[in-house]
Amino acid sequence: MRLSTKGRYGVMAMLQLAMHYDQGTTSLKDIARQMDYSDAYLEQLFALLKKERLITSHRGPKGGYRLSKEPHGITVGEIIRALEGPIEFSTCVGGSESVPCDRSPHCVTKDLWEQINDSINSVIDHVTLGDLMDKNKNFKQQGKRS
């Protein structure tokens, strides 16, 4: 299992929106410029995030995008699933994409795959954009002390 650029870029773009949450909307062009990403690619990601109601868009001269909830109310898991679908470590465990396996009742490793799958999902479901913002502030403070 590997997280695609969709998931990685999506989390980072949402973090940009989180850092500007108190300032209202942020334009797609500003986010693309800050992150050195293509506007067109971010538009595709934001369409998926908007569809899942993680962000809202506002038109007009001061328009742009904004988180639909405060940063501590949006988890990394929600973002990744909005962009990539269910996170499943193996095709034999998980939810909607699970493939029935004839060996399942006697499989020695199935429990291991389920534990790994559950651990991954637990981590991404407990880390919020607010947590990442707090971590970013700590990094910046440590950099000033050095």
Protein backbone atom coordinates (compact mmCIF):
# COMPACT_ATOMS: atom_id res chain seq x y z
CA MET A 1 0.00 0.00 0.00
CA ARG A 2 1.38 3.37 -0.98
CA LEU A 3 -0.19 6.79 -0.53
CA SER A 4 -0.46 8.51 -3.91
CA THR A 5 0.38 12.13 -4.68
CA LYS A 6 -3.36 12.80 -4.51
CA GLY A 7 -3.41 11.94 -0.82
CA ARG A 8 -0.11 13.63 0.06
CA TYR A 9 -0.80 16.83 -1.87
CA GLY A 10 -4.37 16.91 -0.59
CA VAL A 11 -3.28 16.77 3.05
CA MET A 12 -0.67 19.49 2.45
CA ALA A 13 -3.15 21.72 0.59
CA MET A 14 -5.71 21.28 3.38
CA LEU A 15 -2.99 22.22 5.87
CA GLN A 16 -2.50 25.47 3.93
CA LEU A 17 -6.23 26.19 4.25
CA ALA A 18 -6.05 25.35 7.96
CA MET A 19 -3.21 27.82 8.50
CA HIS A 20 -5.36 30.56 6.93
CA TYR A 21 -8.60 29.45 8.58
CA ASP A 22 -9.00 32.62 10.68
CA GLN A 23 -8.41 34.83 7.64
CA GLY A 24 -11.37 33.59 5.60
CA THR A 25 -11.00 32.21 2.09
CA THR A 26 -7.76 31.44 0.30
CA SER A 27 -7.47 31.41 -3.48
CA LEU A 28 -6.44 28.27 -5.30
CA LYS A 29 -3.72 30.25 -7.09
CA ASP A 30 -2.20 31.34 -3.76
CA ILE A 31 -2.12 27.78 -2.48
CA ALA A 32 -0.66 26.49 -5.75
CA ARG A 33 2.01 29.20 -5.71
CA GLN A 34 2.94 28.58 -2.04
CA MET A 35 3.23 24.85 -2.61
CA ASP A 36 4.63 24.98 -6.15
CA TYR A 37 1.80 22.76 -7.45
CA SER A 38 -0.23 23.05 -10.62
CA ASP A 39 -3.53 24.98 -10.35
CA ALA A 40 -5.23 22.35 -12.50
CA TYR A 41 -4.13 19.49 -10.25
CA LEU A 42 -5.26 21.29 -7.10
CA GLU A 43 -8.60 22.04 -8.77
CA GLN A 44 -9.16 18.31 -9.23
CA LEU A 45 -8.31 17.62 -5.59
CA PHE A 46 -10.47 20.47 -4.32
CA ALA A 47 -13.43 19.24 -6.36
CA LEU A 48 -13.23 15.90 -4.51
CA LEU A 49 -12.75 17.59 -1.13
CA LYS A 50 -15.70 19.87 -1.81
CA LYS A 51 -17.87 16.92 -2.84
CA GLU A 52 -17.13 15.32 0.55
CA ARG A 53 -17.94 18.65 2.26
CA LEU A 54 -14.49 19.11 3.75
CA ILE A 55 -14.13 22.52 2.09
CA THR A 56 -16.43 25.22 0.78
CA SER A 57 -15.86 27.57 -2.13
CA HIS A 58 -16.83 31.21 -2.50
CA ARG A 59 -16.95 33.08 -5.80
CA GLY A 60 -16.05 36.67 -6.49
CA PRO A 61 -13.07 39.00 -6.16
CA LYS A 62 -12.34 37.88 -2.59
CA GLY A 63 -13.41 34.32 -3.25
CA GLY A 64 -11.53 31.13 -2.73
CA TYR A 65 -11.68 28.06 -0.56
CA ARG A 66 -12.15 27.54 3.15
CA LEU A 67 -12.31 24.54 5.49
CA SER A 68 -15.90 23.55 6.23
CA LYS A 69 -14.99 22.97 9.91
CA GLU A 70 -12.31 24.26 12.22
CA PRO A 71 -8.90 22.55 11.77
CA HIS A 72 -9.21 20.33 14.85
CA GLY A 73 -12.48 18.97 13.40
CA ILE A 74 -11.00 17.46 10.21
CA THR A 75 -8.86 14.32 10.35
CA VAL A 76 -6.16 13.21 7.95
CA GLY A 77 -8.22 10.03 7.45
CA GLU A 78 -11.20 12.03 6.18
CA ILE A 79 -8.99 13.86 3.68
CA ILE A 80 -7.24 10.75 2.39
CA ARG A 81 -10.50 8.80 2.02
CA ALA A 82 -12.12 11.73 0.19
CA LEU A 83 -9.27 11.68 -2.33
CA GLU A 84 -8.31 8.00 -2.52
CA GLY A 85 -11.20 5.97 -1.19
CA PRO A 86 -10.92 3.42 1.63
CA ILE A 87 -7.50 2.78 3.11
CA GLU A 88 -6.96 -0.98 3.05
CA PHE A 89 -3.62 -2.61 3.70
CA SER A 90 -4.57 -5.86 2.00
CA THR A 91 -7.38 -6.88 -0.34
CA CYS A 92 -8.47 -9.65 2.03
CA VAL A 93 -9.22 -7.31 4.96
CA GLY A 94 -11.09 -4.08 5.25
CA GLY A 95 -14.40 -2.87 4.03
CA SER A 96 -15.96 -2.31 0.65
CA GLU A 97 -13.03 -3.41 -1.49
CA SER A 98 -12.38 -6.71 0.33
CA VAL A 99 -11.93 -9.74 -1.88
CA PRO A 100 -13.37 -12.99 -0.50
CA CYS A 101 -10.65 -15.55 0.04
CA ASP A 102 -11.19 -19.31 0.19
CA ARG A 103 -8.32 -19.57 2.68
CA SER A 104 -9.72 -16.93 5.04
CA PRO A 105 -11.07 -19.32 7.72
CA HIS A 106 -7.66 -21.02 7.94
CA CYS A 107 -5.35 -18.11 7.14
CA VAL A 108 -2.57 -17.64 9.68
CA THR A 109 -1.71 -14.11 8.49
CA LYS A 110 -5.21 -12.63 8.15
CA ASP A 111 -5.20 -11.40 11.76
CA LEU A 112 -1.85 -9.71 11.17
CA TRP A 113 -3.16 -7.90 8.06
CA GLU A 114 -6.27 -6.81 10.01
CA GLN A 115 -4.13 -5.45 12.87
CA ILE A 116 -1.94 -3.49 10.46
CA ASN A 117 -5.01 -2.18 8.63
CA ASP A 118 -6.69 -1.16 11.90
CA SER A 119 -3.49 0.54 13.13
CA ILE A 120 -3.09 2.61 9.98
CA ASN A 121 -6.72 3.69 10.05
CA SER A 122 -6.54 4.48 13.77
CA VAL A 123 -3.55 6.79 13.29
CA ILE A 124 -5.00 8.74 10.37
CA ASP A 125 -8.38 8.99 12.11
CA HIS A 126 -6.85 10.53 15.24
CA VAL A 127 -4.55 13.12 13.64
CA THR A 128 -6.32 16.37 12.74
CA LEU A 129 -5.28 19.36 10.68
CA GLY A 130 -5.12 21.24 13.99
CA ASP A 131 -2.61 18.70 15.30
CA LEU A 132 -0.45 19.23 12.19
CA MET A 133 -0.69 23.02 12.65
CA ASP A 134 0.46 22.66 16.27
CA LYS A 135 3.37 20.49 15.14
CA ASN A 136 4.27 23.08 12.47
CA LYS A 137 4.35 25.83 15.13
CA ASN A 138 6.68 23.71 17.27
CA PHE A 139 9.04 23.16 14.32
CA LYS A 140 9.15 26.89 13.63
CA GLN A 141 9.84 27.67 17.31
CA GLN A 142 12.64 25.10 17.44
CA GLY A 143 14.17 26.61 14.31
CA LYS A 144 14.27 30.07 15.92
CA ARG A 145 16.13 28.70 18.97
CA SER A 146 18.88 27.05 16.93
